[in-house]
Amino acid sequence: MKATIITFLLLFPLFSEAHEYDTMLSEGREWVYKEVLPDYDHMTEEQIIIGDVPYKVDFHSLVVGRNTLFDNKQCVEILHRSDGADQLFGYAYEEEGELYFYALCTGSVDGFSQPIDYKKDEWQMLYDFDAAMGVPTSMAWMPGDFCLNEIDTISVQNNTFVRQTWRSVDKGKKTVVGGIGSETGFLYIENITTNGASTLFVECKDKGEHIFSADDFYAIPLYVGGVRLDGQEGLFRDLQGRRVHGRPRPGVYIRGGRKQVVH
């Protein structure tokens, strides 16, 4: 009996490893977007030339506003900020590791040249930070054949963030970071253009302070499987973060914070 209890205690951490995700809905958190639009009508100082076509560049953002009660739920306002003016864009709340969003507008809205595909007047799950490894996603913007494949930790601006990698057999991968969202910010926006225009996620701020940029989604992990990797870039580790001694057998490993195939 004693041996069984000891064995259980030794194995328990393997099954109970928890990941603490930063909240996305702290008041003042802001996602900044760059809008590149064709501008045939007039020349401006903010204009750039791509080929022979003039474009203008505008900046706008989505901002977490005040706490409120909506649809009988405690939630926060999501504001669209453009030219210094705020407009109510939707509502959001977090519950048991999941983030839900209620859109008040759809289609190509002011500030977003790409179509916003989220259903109007309906709560939808944007992020699932309590997802189980290998289970198909239930997130509204991600196709159902994507499964959570990997969780690691990255360090940005002296802050740590938990990162999820979701993979599909034939559609590649998508990345989600706790406290930040998808690779296109708070909302996932397809990488397409409408009438020659495009929307690009630039950075995330918290109460005006820069905390994360678009390039940071691809930062080298600090931890994998609870094991710290910095300072040991040349070592091979398995996908659980355990060091591999000697020559590794054929398979997939982590080395220098990246996956590497050994043949």
Protein backbone atom coordinates (compact mmCIF):
# COMPACT_ATOMS: atom_id res chain seq x y z
CA MET A 1 0.00 0.00 0.00
CA LYS A 2 2.81 2.42 0.94
CA ALA A 3 4.60 1.70 -2.34
CA THR A 4 1.40 2.40 -4.27
CA ILE A 5 0.97 5.78 -2.55
CA ILE A 6 4.58 6.75 -3.22
CA THR A 7 4.25 5.74 -6.87
CA PHE A 8 1.07 7.83 -7.19
CA LEU A 9 2.78 10.88 -5.66
CA LEU A 10 5.68 10.56 -8.04
CA LEU A 11 3.44 10.27 -11.07
CA PHE A 12 0.90 12.91 -10.02
CA PRO A 13 2.90 15.93 -11.32
CA LEU A 14 2.96 14.36 -14.77
CA PHE A 15 -0.82 14.44 -14.91
CA SER A 16 -1.44 17.68 -13.05
CA GLU A 17 0.91 20.13 -14.76
CA ALA A 18 -1.01 23.41 -14.91
CA HIS A 19 -0.44 26.39 -17.17
CA GLU A 20 -1.28 29.85 -15.88
CA TYR A 21 -2.52 32.02 -18.73
CA ASP A 22 -2.57 35.79 -18.41
CA THR A 23 -6.03 37.32 -18.75
CA MET A 24 -6.86 39.01 -22.05
CA LEU A 25 -9.62 41.14 -20.55
CA SER A 26 -7.83 43.49 -18.15
CA GLU A 27 -9.15 47.02 -18.61
CA GLY A 28 -6.88 49.05 -20.86
CA ARG A 29 -5.42 46.13 -22.81
CA GLU A 30 -5.15 47.20 -26.44
CA TRP A 31 -4.49 45.49 -29.78
CA VAL A 32 -3.07 47.86 -32.41
CA TYR A 33 -3.71 47.26 -36.11
CA LYS A 34 -2.22 48.83 -39.23
CA GLU A 35 -4.61 49.38 -42.13
CA VAL A 36 -3.09 49.68 -45.62
CA LEU A 37 -5.66 51.09 -48.08
CA PRO A 38 -5.49 52.12 -51.77
CA ASP A 39 -5.53 55.92 -52.01
CA TYR A 40 -6.11 57.12 -55.54
CA ASP A 41 -7.88 60.37 -54.66
CA HIS A 42 -5.17 62.49 -53.09
CA MET A 43 -1.57 62.46 -51.92
CA THR A 44 -0.91 62.56 -48.18
CA GLU A 45 2.17 62.47 -45.96
CA GLU A 46 1.03 59.06 -44.66
CA GLN A 47 0.97 57.62 -48.15
CA ILE A 48 3.32 54.93 -49.41
CA ILE A 49 3.85 53.66 -52.95
CA ILE A 50 3.77 49.94 -53.69
CA GLY A 51 4.59 49.38 -57.35
CA ASP A 52 2.74 52.21 -59.05
CA VAL A 53 -0.21 52.19 -56.64
CA PRO A 54 -0.48 54.78 -53.85
CA TYR A 55 -1.61 53.50 -50.45
CA LYS A 56 -2.40 55.27 -47.22
CA VAL A 57 -1.62 53.80 -43.80
CA ASP A 58 -4.01 54.19 -40.88
CA PHE A 59 -3.75 52.85 -37.34
CA HIS A 60 -6.66 51.75 -35.16
CA SER A 61 -7.13 49.40 -32.24
CA LEU A 62 -9.42 47.20 -30.17
CA VAL A 63 -9.44 48.08 -26.47
CA VAL A 64 -10.80 46.38 -23.37
CA GLY A 65 -13.20 48.81 -21.72
CA ARG A 66 -15.14 48.85 -18.48
CA ASN A 67 -16.89 46.00 -16.71
CA THR A 68 -20.59 45.83 -17.46
CA LEU A 69 -23.66 43.61 -17.36
CA PHE A 70 -24.88 42.43 -20.76
CA ASP A 71 -27.21 39.57 -21.65
CA ASN A 72 -27.31 38.69 -17.94
CA LYS A 73 -23.53 38.13 -17.94
CA GLN A 74 -20.74 39.96 -16.16
CA CYS A 75 -18.44 40.95 -19.03
CA VAL A 76 -16.32 43.78 -20.44
CA GLU A 77 -16.87 46.14 -23.32
CA ILE A 78 -14.65 45.75 -26.39
CA LEU A 79 -14.11 49.15 -27.99
CA HIS A 80 -12.94 50.05 -31.49
CA ARG A 81 -10.63 53.08 -31.31
CA SER A 82 -9.94 55.15 -34.42
CA ASP A 83 -8.73 58.77 -34.68
CA GLY A 84 -8.99 59.11 -30.90
CA ALA A 85 -12.67 58.14 -30.77
CA ASP A 86 -14.04 54.95 -29.16
CA GLN A 87 -17.01 53.01 -30.53
CA LEU A 88 -18.60 49.98 -28.86
CA PHE A 89 -17.56 46.93 -30.91
CA GLY A 90 -18.76 44.00 -28.80
CA TYR A 91 -18.62 42.27 -25.41
CA ALA A 92 -16.38 39.56 -23.96
CA TYR A 93 -16.01 37.45 -20.84
CA GLU A 94 -13.77 34.63 -19.58
CA GLU A 95 -15.04 31.52 -17.86
CA GLU A 96 -13.14 28.36 -16.84
CA GLY A 97 -10.27 29.03 -19.24
CA GLU A 98 -12.49 29.94 -22.19
CA LEU A 99 -13.00 33.41 -23.69
CA TYR A 100 -16.34 34.30 -25.30
CA PHE A 101 -17.06 37.23 -27.63
CA TYR A 102 -20.33 38.85 -28.68
CA ALA A 103 -19.96 40.86 -31.91
CA LEU A 104 -22.16 43.90 -32.49
CA CYS A 105 -21.10 44.16 -36.14
CA THR A 106 -19.91 41.87 -38.93
CA GLY A 107 -18.61 42.17 -42.47
CA SER A 108 -16.04 44.81 -43.45
CA VAL A 109 -16.35 47.34 -40.63
CA ASP A 110 -14.69 50.69 -40.22
CA GLY A 111 -11.00 50.04 -39.58
CA PHE A 112 -11.06 46.41 -40.73
CA SER A 113 -10.73 45.90 -44.48
CA GLN A 114 -10.88 42.11 -44.06
CA PRO A 115 -14.30 40.59 -43.43
CA ILE A 116 -15.05 39.88 -39.78
CA ASP A 117 -16.62 36.43 -40.00
CA TYR A 118 -17.92 36.16 -36.44
CA LYS A 119 -21.68 35.85 -36.17
CA LYS A 120 -23.51 38.96 -35.06
CA ASP A 121 -25.58 39.03 -31.86
CA GLU A 122 -24.36 35.65 -30.63
CA TRP A 123 -21.82 34.51 -28.02
CA GLN A 124 -18.97 32.53 -29.59
CA MET A 125 -15.85 30.98 -28.09
CA LEU A 126 -12.73 32.79 -29.28
CA TYR A 127 -10.11 31.00 -27.18
CA ASP A 128 -9.86 27.80 -25.15
CA PHE A 129 -6.99 27.99 -22.66
CA ASP A 130 -8.18 24.88 -20.86
CA ALA A 131 -8.09 22.65 -23.95
CA ALA A 132 -6.77 19.10 -23.70
CA MET A 133 -3.89 17.93 -25.88
CA GLY A 134 -5.02 16.19 -29.05
CA VAL A 135 -8.69 17.18 -28.73
CA PRO A 136 -10.27 18.94 -31.78
CA THR A 137 -10.90 22.65 -31.28
CA SER A 138 -14.24 24.24 -30.46
CA MET A 139 -13.04 27.79 -31.17
CA ALA A 140 -15.28 29.68 -33.58
CA TRP A 141 -12.55 30.89 -35.93
CA MET A 142 -10.50 27.70 -36.19
CA PRO A 143 -11.52 24.74 -38.43
CA GLY A 144 -12.62 21.71 -36.41
CA ASP A 145 -9.79 19.46 -37.59
CA PHE A 146 -7.19 21.49 -35.66
CA CYS A 147 -5.99 19.86 -32.43
CA LEU A 148 -3.85 21.24 -29.61
CA ASN A 149 -0.40 19.86 -30.37
CA GLU A 150 2.04 21.68 -28.09
CA ILE A 151 2.20 24.05 -25.11
CA ASP A 152 5.34 25.99 -24.21
CA THR A 153 6.36 29.20 -22.43
CA ILE A 154 8.01 32.24 -24.00
CA SER A 155 9.58 35.36 -22.49
CA VAL A 156 8.79 38.78 -24.00
CA GLN A 157 9.67 42.14 -22.45
CA ASN A 158 10.64 40.33 -19.22
CA ASN A 159 7.14 38.84 -19.02
CA THR A 160 6.30 35.17 -19.53
CA PHE A 161 3.44 33.98 -21.71
CA VAL A 162 2.03 30.50 -22.30
CA ARG A 163 1.82 29.60 -25.99
CA GLN A 164 -0.41 27.02 -27.67
CA THR A 165 0.33 25.45 -31.05
CA TRP A 166 -2.69 24.01 -32.85
CA ARG A 167 -2.10 21.75 -35.87
CA SER A 168 -4.10 20.24 -38.69
CA VAL A 169 -2.92 17.42 -40.94
CA ASP A 170 -3.48 19.41 -44.14
CA LYS A 171 -3.92 23.04 -42.99
CA GLY A 172 -0.65 23.66 -41.13
CA LYS A 173 -0.58 25.29 -37.71
CA LYS A 174 -2.03 28.23 -35.81
CA THR A 175 -0.55 29.89 -32.74
CA VAL A 176 -2.35 31.28 -29.68
CA VAL A 177 -0.69 33.11 -26.76
CA GLY A 178 -2.36 33.58 -23.38
CA GLY A 179 -3.15 37.23 -22.67
CA ILE A 180 -2.60 38.19 -26.33
CA GLY A 181 -4.74 36.00 -28.60
CA SER A 182 -4.09 34.75 -32.13
CA GLU A 183 -1.40 35.82 -34.59
CA THR A 184 -3.76 38.58 -35.76
CA GLY A 185 -4.50 39.93 -32.30
CA PHE A 186 -7.73 39.83 -30.34
CA LEU A 187 -9.72 38.68 -33.38
CA TYR A 188 -8.54 36.15 -35.92
CA ILE A 189 -8.56 37.77 -39.37
CA GLU A 190 -7.89 35.74 -42.49
CA ASN A 191 -4.75 36.82 -44.35
CA ILE A 192 -6.64 38.16 -47.36
CA THR A 193 -7.22 41.57 -48.90
CA THR A 194 -10.45 43.33 -49.79
CA ASN A 195 -10.32 45.81 -52.69
CA GLY A 196 -6.53 45.84 -52.43
CA ALA A 197 -6.57 46.67 -48.71
CA SER A 198 -5.11 44.69 -45.83
CA THR A 199 -5.19 44.68 -42.02
CA LEU A 200 -2.05 43.78 -40.06
CA PHE A 201 -1.69 43.21 -36.32
CA VAL A 202 1.17 45.37 -34.98
CA GLU A 203 1.37 45.11 -31.19
CA CYS A 204 -0.44 44.59 -27.91
CA LYS A 205 -0.31 47.21 -25.15
CA ASP A 206 -1.42 47.19 -21.55
CA LYS A 207 -2.52 50.60 -20.26
CA GLY A 208 -0.41 52.24 -22.96
CA GLU A 209 2.75 50.16 -22.39
CA HIS A 210 4.01 47.87 -25.16
CA ILE A 211 4.01 44.22 -24.05
CA PHE A 212 3.94 42.12 -27.23
CA SER A 213 4.53 42.50 -30.98
CA ALA A 214 3.44 40.43 -33.97
CA ASP A 215 6.93 38.88 -34.31
CA ASP A 216 6.88 37.67 -30.69
CA PHE A 217 4.49 34.84 -31.57
CA TYR A 218 7.55 33.02 -32.94
CA ALA A 219 9.88 33.59 -29.96
CA ILE A 220 12.16 30.72 -28.92
CA PRO A 221 10.51 28.91 -26.00
CA LEU A 222 11.79 29.41 -22.47
CA TYR A 223 10.14 26.26 -21.12
CA VAL A 224 8.86 23.09 -22.78
CA GLY A 225 7.13 20.48 -20.63
CA GLY A 226 8.08 22.46 -17.51
CA VAL A 227 11.82 22.27 -18.32
CA ARG A 228 13.81 25.50 -18.72
CA LEU A 229 15.73 25.57 -22.01
CA ASP A 230 17.76 28.80 -22.02
CA GLY A 231 21.52 28.42 -21.79
CA GLN A 232 21.37 24.85 -23.15
CA GLU A 233 20.68 25.56 -26.82
CA GLY A 234 22.82 22.72 -28.17
CA LEU A 235 21.18 19.93 -26.18
CA PHE A 236 18.63 17.54 -27.60
CA ARG A 237 15.39 17.10 -25.64
CA ASP A 238 12.34 14.98 -26.29
CA LEU A 239 8.93 16.56 -26.80
CA GLN A 240 8.33 16.47 -23.03
CA GLY A 241 11.43 18.59 -22.45
CA ARG A 242 13.60 15.78 -21.04
CA ARG A 243 17.29 15.85 -21.94
CA VAL A 244 18.49 13.13 -24.32
CA HIS A 245 21.92 11.76 -23.44
CA GLY A 246 24.23 10.47 -26.13
CA ARG A 247 23.29 10.28 -29.79
CA PRO A 248 19.51 10.59 -30.21
CA ARG A 249 17.60 7.88 -32.04
CA PRO A 250 15.65 8.80 -35.20
CA GLY A 251 12.63 10.92 -34.33
CA VAL A 252 11.51 14.45 -33.53
CA TYR A 253 13.34 16.41 -30.82
CA ILE A 254 13.69 19.94 -29.47
CA ARG A 255 17.04 21.66 -29.94
CA GLY A 256 17.75 25.35 -29.50
CA GLY A 257 14.08 25.93 -28.79
CA ARG A 258 12.97 24.48 -32.12
CA LYS A 259 11.80 21.11 -33.32
CA GLN A 260 14.41 19.09 -35.21
CA VAL A 261 14.06 15.76 -37.00
CA VAL A 262 16.84 13.23 -36.55
CA HIS A 263 17.08 10.62 -39.31
